[in-house]
């Protein structure tokens, strides 16, 4: 005699247990990296810009190793494209000594662009003192080169150490002034710049003659 077992209904399949996900948490924001300290770059030019700002619209642009020449030329010429008579525009380009060649290249491209558009241009060149921290770097490099040359010259260690002790004991020599170049570029004469004794002037009128 067969026995039947009572069915309590279809059996429910066990659902696989899903790993509990923790509640969404706001992602931690990475601390922003400090932006390059522009104060050291603009510092030497603040006084001259403050002198020009009341009468001129001055665009200050640095030229560093990562500067793209075409981009800086476009920026400069765009600033000069429309120069209102009541507030003429000036571009101030400045560079450290290692980037002066790139600065000059940018200026030459700007003059070529303006000349191609039939516009007159005026260029004012002026040397400026580099910030103290940049002068210190230059001195460190020079000292390293001098020490290397002293070692290569065949002098013994005593003489090298002696010179170091002398530099430590004797009063430091008067600080040298390390200069670099800045260029003001405009479409009209700038009397305030022309009047300065340390400024040299170039213009499109000279190239025409």
C-alpha atoms as a PDB file:
ATOM      1  CA  UNK A   1       0.000   0.000   0.000  1.00  0.00           C
ATOM      2  CA  UNK A   2       1.493   3.200  -1.135  1.00  0.00           C
ATOM      3  CA  UNK A   3       1.419   6.220   1.028  1.00  0.00           C
ATOM      4  CA  UNK A   4       1.206   9.707  -0.314  1.00  0.00           C
ATOM      5  CA  UNK A   5       2.829  12.543   1.498  1.00  0.00           C
ATOM      6  CA  UNK A   6       0.841  15.695   1.703  1.00  0.00           C
ATOM      7  CA  UNK A   7       2.256  18.504  -0.298  1.00  0.00           C
ATOM      8  CA  UNK A   8       2.385  21.838   1.374  1.00  0.00           C
ATOM      9  CA  UNK A   9       2.653  23.592  -1.966  1.00  0.00           C
ATOM     10  CA  UNK A  10       5.602  24.298  -4.195  1.00  0.00           C
ATOM     11  CA  UNK A  11       8.802  24.821  -2.336  1.00  0.00           C
ATOM     12  CA  UNK A  12      10.343  28.296  -2.598  1.00  0.00           C
ATOM     13  CA  UNK A  13      13.816  28.378  -3.970  1.00  0.00           C
ATOM     14  CA  UNK A  14      16.279  30.021  -1.753  1.00  0.00           C
ATOM     15  CA  UNK A  15      17.475  33.274  -3.272  1.00  0.00           C
ATOM     16  CA  UNK A  16      21.230  33.713  -3.154  1.00  0.00           C
ATOM     17  CA  UNK A  17      22.113  36.108  -0.467  1.00  0.00           C
ATOM     18  CA  UNK A  18      23.492  39.261  -1.969  1.00  0.00           C
ATOM     19  CA  UNK A  19      26.306  40.984  -0.224  1.00  0.00           C
ATOM     20  CA  UNK A  20      24.976  43.956   1.581  1.00  0.00           C
ATOM     21  CA  UNK A  21      26.298  47.093   0.013  1.00  0.00           C
ATOM     22  CA  UNK A  22      27.146  49.867   2.384  1.00  0.00           C
ATOM     23  CA  UNK A  23      25.171  53.054   1.812  1.00  0.00           C
ATOM     24  CA  UNK A  24      26.621  55.389  -0.735  1.00  0.00           C
ATOM     25  CA  UNK A  25      29.097  57.666   0.889  1.00  0.00           C
ATOM     26  CA  UNK A  26      30.333  60.858  -0.622  1.00  0.00           C
ATOM     27  CA  UNK A  27      33.673  60.352  -2.234  1.00  0.00           C
ATOM     28  CA  UNK A  28      36.509  61.879  -0.406  1.00  0.00           C
ATOM     29  CA  UNK A  29      37.786  64.847  -2.288  1.00  0.00           C
ATOM     30  CA  UNK A  30      41.444  64.805  -2.857  1.00  0.00           C
ATOM     31  CA  UNK A  31      43.173  67.812  -1.477  1.00  0.00           C
ATOM     32  CA  UNK A  32      43.751  70.219  -4.322  1.00  0.00           C
ATOM     33  CA  UNK A  33      47.315  70.633  -5.284  1.00  0.00           C
ATOM     34  CA  UNK A  34      48.540  74.139  -4.673  1.00  0.00           C
ATOM     35  CA  UNK A  35      48.555  76.230  -7.787  1.00  0.00           C
ATOM     36  CA  UNK A  36      51.847  77.619  -8.964  1.00  0.00           C
ATOM     37  CA  UNK A  37      52.777  80.582  -6.855  1.00  0.00           C
ATOM     38  CA  UNK A  38      52.300  83.421  -9.326  1.00  0.00           C
ATOM     39  CA  UNK A  39      53.338  86.063  -6.828  1.00  0.00           C
ATOM     40  CA  UNK A  40      57.002  85.360  -7.536  1.00  0.00           C
ATOM     41  CA  UNK A  41      56.391  85.886 -11.249  1.00  0.00           C
ATOM     42  CA  UNK A  42      54.222  89.010 -11.103  1.00  0.00           C
ATOM     43  CA  UNK A  43      56.022  90.571  -8.141  1.00  0.00           C
ATOM     44  CA  UNK A  44      58.753  92.454 -10.052  1.00  0.00           C
ATOM     45  CA  UNK A  45      56.133  94.006 -12.367  1.00  0.00           C
ATOM     46  CA  UNK A  46      53.526  95.190  -9.879  1.00  0.00           C
ATOM     47  CA  UNK A  47      54.881  98.719  -9.577  1.00  0.00           C
ATOM     48  CA  UNK A  48      55.099  99.393 -13.317  1.00  0.00           C
ATOM     49  CA  UNK A  49      51.652  97.870 -13.909  1.00  0.00           C
ATOM     50  CA  UNK A  50      50.199 100.053 -11.137  1.00  0.00           C
ATOM     51  CA  UNK A  51      51.744 103.068 -12.840  1.00  0.00           C
ATOM     52  CA  UNK A  52      50.174 102.222 -16.211  1.00  0.00           C
ATOM     53  CA  UNK A  53      46.777 100.902 -15.120  1.00  0.00           C
ATOM     54  CA  UNK A  54      45.065 104.291 -14.590  1.00  0.00           C
ATOM     55  CA  UNK A  55      45.420 105.126 -18.300  1.00  0.00           C
ATOM     56  CA  UNK A  56      45.942 101.763 -20.014  1.00  0.00           C
ATOM     57  CA  UNK A  57      44.372  98.320 -20.097  1.00  0.00           C
ATOM     58  CA  UNK A  58      47.406  96.141 -19.330  1.00  0.00           C
ATOM     59  CA  UNK A  59      47.499  92.404 -19.974  1.00  0.00           C
ATOM     60  CA  UNK A  60      50.344  90.732 -18.065  1.00  0.00           C
ATOM     61  CA  UNK A  61      51.489  87.368 -19.426  1.00  0.00           C
ATOM     62  CA  UNK A  62      54.429  85.278 -18.300  1.00  0.00           C
ATOM     63  CA  UNK A  63      56.597  83.153 -20.561  1.00  0.00           C
ATOM     64  CA  UNK A  64      57.817  79.962 -18.899  1.00  0.00           C
ATOM     65  CA  UNK A  65      59.159  76.637 -20.158  1.00  0.00           C
ATOM     66  CA  UNK A  66      55.666  75.163 -20.641  1.00  0.00           C
ATOM     67  CA  UNK A  67      54.266  78.211 -22.450  1.00  0.00           C
ATOM     68  CA  UNK A  68      52.982  77.454 -25.939  1.00  0.00           C
ATOM     69  CA  UNK A  69      54.246  80.095 -28.350  1.00  0.00           C
ATOM     70  CA  UNK A  70      51.185  80.049 -30.615  1.00  0.00           C
ATOM     71  CA  UNK A  71      48.797  80.276 -27.688  1.00  0.00           C
ATOM     72  CA  UNK A  72      50.601  83.248 -26.168  1.00  0.00           C
ATOM     73  CA  UNK A  73      50.777  85.031 -29.536  1.00  0.00           C
ATOM     74  CA  UNK A  74      47.032  84.544 -30.013  1.00  0.00           C
ATOM     75  CA  UNK A  75      46.338  85.845 -26.508  1.00  0.00           C
ATOM     76  CA  UNK A  76      48.486  88.937 -26.998  1.00  0.00           C
ATOM     77  CA  UNK A  77      47.188  89.870 -30.438  1.00  0.00           C
ATOM     78  CA  UNK A  78      43.582  89.288 -29.362  1.00  0.00           C
ATOM     79  CA  UNK A  79      44.056  91.720 -26.481  1.00  0.00           C
ATOM     80  CA  UNK A  80      45.416  94.323 -28.885  1.00  0.00           C
ATOM     81  CA  UNK A  81      42.832  93.663 -31.596  1.00  0.00           C
ATOM     82  CA  UNK A  82      40.451  96.318 -30.282  1.00  0.00           C
ATOM     83  CA  UNK A  83      42.128  99.183 -28.495  1.00  0.00           C
ATOM     84  CA  UNK A  84      39.712 101.944 -27.416  1.00  0.00           C
ATOM     85  CA  UNK A  85      41.190 105.462 -27.760  1.00  0.00           C
ATOM     86  CA  UNK A  86      40.161 106.429 -24.227  1.00  0.00           C
ATOM     87  CA  UNK A  87      41.914 103.393 -22.680  1.00  0.00           C
ATOM     88  CA  UNK A  88      44.599 101.976 -25.006  1.00  0.00           C
ATOM     89  CA  UNK A  89      45.735  98.419 -24.469  1.00  0.00           C
ATOM     90  CA  UNK A  90      49.214  97.151 -23.633  1.00  0.00           C
ATOM     91  CA  UNK A  91      50.605  93.627 -23.408  1.00  0.00           C
ATOM     92  CA  UNK A  92      53.389  93.033 -20.891  1.00  0.00           C
ATOM     93  CA  UNK A  93      55.355  89.861 -21.589  1.00  0.00           C
ATOM     94  CA  UNK A  94      57.993  88.824 -19.072  1.00  0.00           C
ATOM     95  CA  UNK A  95      60.300  85.845 -18.660  1.00  0.00           C
ATOM     96  CA  UNK A  96      63.123  84.514 -16.571  1.00  0.00           C
ATOM     97  CA  UNK A  97      66.578  84.504 -18.079  1.00  0.00           C
ATOM     98  CA  UNK A  98      66.289  80.918 -19.306  1.00  0.00           C
ATOM     99  CA  UNK A  99      63.142  81.739 -21.315  1.00  0.00           C
ATOM    100  CA  UNK A 100      64.126  85.099 -22.813  1.00  0.00           C
ATOM    101  CA  UNK A 101      64.657  83.536 -26.261  1.00  0.00           C
ATOM    102  CA  UNK A 102      61.090  82.208 -26.221  1.00  0.00           C
ATOM    103  CA  UNK A 103      59.857  85.626 -25.118  1.00  0.00           C
ATOM    104  CA  UNK A 104      61.592  87.301 -28.064  1.00  0.00           C
ATOM    105  CA  UNK A 105      60.127  84.716 -30.445  1.00  0.00           C
ATOM    106  CA  UNK A 106      56.618  85.477 -29.182  1.00  0.00           C
ATOM    107  CA  UNK A 107      57.160  89.215 -29.608  1.00  0.00           C
ATOM    108  CA  UNK A 108      58.449  88.745 -33.169  1.00  0.00           C
ATOM    109  CA  UNK A 109      55.382  86.665 -34.064  1.00  0.00           C
ATOM    110  CA  UNK A 110      53.119  89.341 -32.586  1.00  0.00           C
ATOM    111  CA  UNK A 111      54.807  92.054 -34.658  1.00  0.00           C
ATOM    112  CA  UNK A 112      54.525  89.937 -37.778  1.00  0.00           C
ATOM    113  CA  UNK A 113      50.820  89.365 -37.144  1.00  0.00           C
ATOM    114  CA  UNK A 114      50.143  93.047 -36.525  1.00  0.00           C
ATOM    115  CA  UNK A 115      52.180  94.026 -39.568  1.00  0.00           C
ATOM    116  CA  UNK A 116      50.248  91.584 -41.710  1.00  0.00           C
ATOM    117  CA  UNK A 117      47.049  93.315 -40.623  1.00  0.00           C
ATOM    118  CA  UNK A 118      48.481  96.700 -41.542  1.00  0.00           C
ATOM    119  CA  UNK A 119      48.747  97.901 -37.932  1.00  0.00           C
ATOM    120  CA  UNK A 120      51.532  99.905 -36.412  1.00  0.00           C
ATOM    121  CA  UNK A 121      53.172  98.522 -33.279  1.00  0.00           C
ATOM    122  CA  UNK A 122      55.463  99.799 -30.546  1.00  0.00           C
ATOM    123  CA  UNK A 123      57.828  97.670 -28.501  1.00  0.00           C
ATOM    124  CA  UNK A 124      59.387  98.804 -25.207  1.00  0.00           C
ATOM    125  CA  UNK A 125      62.170  96.659 -23.756  1.00  0.00           C
ATOM    126  CA  UNK A 126      63.234  96.880 -20.120  1.00  0.00           C
ATOM    127  CA  UNK A 127      65.420  94.804 -17.821  1.00  0.00           C
ATOM    128  CA  UNK A 128      64.098  93.947 -14.365  1.00  0.00           C
ATOM    129  CA  UNK A 129      65.523  92.409 -11.206  1.00  0.00           C
ATOM    130  CA  UNK A 130      64.661  88.775 -10.632  1.00  0.00           C
ATOM    131  CA  UNK A 131      63.055  87.804  -7.288  1.00  0.00           C
ATOM    132  CA  UNK A 132      65.431  86.867  -4.469  1.00  0.00           C
ATOM    133  CA  UNK A 133      64.602  83.138  -4.570  1.00  0.00           C
ATOM    134  CA  UNK A 134      65.519  82.944  -8.246  1.00  0.00           C
ATOM    135  CA  UNK A 135      68.816  84.740  -7.622  1.00  0.00           C
ATOM    136  CA  UNK A 136      69.569  82.239  -4.860  1.00  0.00           C
ATOM    137  CA  UNK A 137      69.035  79.341  -7.271  1.00  0.00           C
ATOM    138  CA  UNK A 138      71.458  80.925  -9.713  1.00  0.00           C
ATOM    139  CA  UNK A 139      74.074  81.298  -6.986  1.00  0.00           C
ATOM    140  CA  UNK A 140      73.660  77.657  -5.921  1.00  0.00           C
ATOM    141  CA  UNK A 141      74.226  76.502  -9.494  1.00  0.00           C
ATOM    142  CA  UNK A 142      77.300  78.696  -9.816  1.00  0.00           C
ATOM    143  CA  UNK A 143      78.782  77.473  -6.522  1.00  0.00           C
ATOM    144  CA  UNK A 144      78.256  73.877  -7.657  1.00  0.00           C
ATOM    145  CA  UNK A 145      80.090  74.561 -10.906  1.00  0.00           C
ATOM    146  CA  UNK A 146      82.938  76.323  -9.109  1.00  0.00           C
ATOM    147  CA  UNK A 147      83.394  73.442  -6.655  1.00  0.00           C
ATOM    148  CA  UNK A 148      83.430  70.965  -9.523  1.00  0.00           C
ATOM    149  CA  UNK A 149      86.019  73.015 -11.406  1.00  0.00           C
ATOM    150  CA  UNK A 150      88.169  73.229  -8.296  1.00  0.00           C
ATOM    151  CA  UNK A 151      88.125  69.476  -7.900  1.00  0.00           C
ATOM    152  CA  UNK A 152      88.960  68.938 -11.554  1.00  0.00           C
ATOM    153  CA  UNK A 153      91.854  71.375 -11.462  1.00  0.00           C
ATOM    154  CA  UNK A 154      93.948  69.029  -9.333  1.00  0.00           C
ATOM    155  CA  UNK A 155      93.905  71.108  -6.114  1.00  0.00           C
ATOM    156  CA  UNK A 156      93.959  69.065  -2.943  1.00  0.00           C
ATOM    157  CA  UNK A 157      91.110  68.737  -0.446  1.00  0.00           C
ATOM    158  CA  UNK A 158      92.772  71.121   1.997  1.00  0.00           C
ATOM    159  CA  UNK A 159      92.578  74.014  -0.447  1.00  0.00           C
ATOM    160  CA  UNK A 160      88.963  73.294  -1.261  1.00  0.00           C
ATOM    161  CA  UNK A 161      88.008  73.131   2.420  1.00  0.00           C
ATOM    162  CA  UNK A 162      90.036  76.263   3.098  1.00  0.00           C
ATOM    163  CA  UNK A 163      88.092  78.247   0.532  1.00  0.00           C
ATOM    164  CA  UNK A 164      84.852  77.026   2.064  1.00  0.00           C
ATOM    165  CA  UNK A 165      85.927  78.122   5.537  1.00  0.00           C
ATOM    166  CA  UNK A 166      86.932  81.516   4.166  1.00  0.00           C
ATOM    167  CA  UNK A 167      83.531  81.967   2.621  1.00  0.00           C
ATOM    168  CA  UNK A 168      81.926  81.034   5.949  1.00  0.00           C
ATOM    169  CA  UNK A 169      84.045  83.404   8.059  1.00  0.00           C
ATOM    170  CA  UNK A 170      84.649  86.388   5.795  1.00  0.00           C
ATOM    171  CA  UNK A 171      81.816  88.868   5.223  1.00  0.00           C
ATOM    172  CA  UNK A 172      79.687  87.908   2.229  1.00  0.00           C
ATOM    173  CA  UNK A 173      80.368  89.780  -0.995  1.00  0.00           C
ATOM    174  CA  UNK A 174      77.890  92.396  -2.105  1.00  0.00           C
ATOM    175  CA  UNK A 175      74.890  90.717  -3.681  1.00  0.00           C
ATOM    176  CA  UNK A 176      74.863  90.675  -7.435  1.00  0.00           C
ATOM    177  CA  UNK A 177      71.774  91.787  -9.278  1.00  0.00           C
ATOM    178  CA  UNK A 178      70.386  89.146 -11.609  1.00  0.00           C
ATOM    179  CA  UNK A 179      68.227  90.679 -14.318  1.00  0.00           C
ATOM    180  CA  UNK A 180      65.908  89.434 -16.994  1.00  0.00           C
ATOM    181  CA  UNK A 181      63.810  90.968 -19.766  1.00  0.00           C
ATOM    182  CA  UNK A 182      60.255  92.224 -20.022  1.00  0.00           C
ATOM    183  CA  UNK A 183      58.656  93.619 -23.156  1.00  0.00           C
ATOM    184  CA  UNK A 184      55.721  95.994 -23.465  1.00  0.00           C
ATOM    185  CA  UNK A 185      53.882  95.684 -26.752  1.00  0.00           C
ATOM    186  CA  UNK A 186      51.263  98.172 -27.941  1.00  0.00           C
ATOM    187  CA  UNK A 187      49.656  99.658 -31.031  1.00  0.00           C
ATOM    188  CA  UNK A 188      50.294 103.261 -29.978  1.00  0.00           C
ATOM    189  CA  UNK A 189      53.122 105.204 -28.338  1.00  0.00           C
ATOM    190  CA  UNK A 190      53.302 104.944 -24.545  1.00  0.00           C
ATOM    191  CA  UNK A 191      54.817 108.172 -23.225  1.00  0.00           C
ATOM    192  CA  UNK A 192      55.254 106.810 -19.686  1.00  0.00           C
ATOM    193  CA  UNK A 193      57.526 104.027 -20.955  1.00  0.00           C
ATOM    194  CA  UNK A 194      59.414 106.111 -23.504  1.00  0.00           C
ATOM    195  CA  UNK A 195      60.364 108.592 -20.781  1.00  0.00           C
ATOM    196  CA  UNK A 196      62.229 105.969 -18.749  1.00  0.00           C
ATOM    197  CA  UNK A 197      65.990 106.020 -19.221  1.00  0.00           C
ATOM    198  CA  UNK A 198      66.367 102.233 -19.033  1.00  0.00           C
ATOM    199  CA  UNK A 199      63.762 101.492 -21.721  1.00  0.00           C
ATOM    200  CA  UNK A 200      64.662 100.936 -25.363  1.00  0.00           C
ATOM    201  CA  UNK A 201      62.043 101.530 -28.031  1.00  0.00           C
ATOM    202  CA  UNK A 202      61.342  99.817 -31.336  1.00  0.00           C
ATOM    203  CA  UNK A 203      58.466 100.500 -33.697  1.00  0.00           C
ATOM    204  CA  UNK A 204      57.040  99.537 -37.043  1.00  0.00           C
ATOM    205  CA  UNK A 205      57.978 102.981 -38.346  1.00  0.00           C
ATOM    206  CA  UNK A 206      61.651 102.016 -38.119  1.00  0.00           C
ATOM    207  CA  UNK A 207      61.099  98.921 -40.274  1.00  0.00           C
ATOM    208  CA  UNK A 208      59.349 100.982 -42.948  1.00  0.00           C
ATOM    209  CA  UNK A 209      62.194 103.481 -43.319  1.00  0.00           C
END
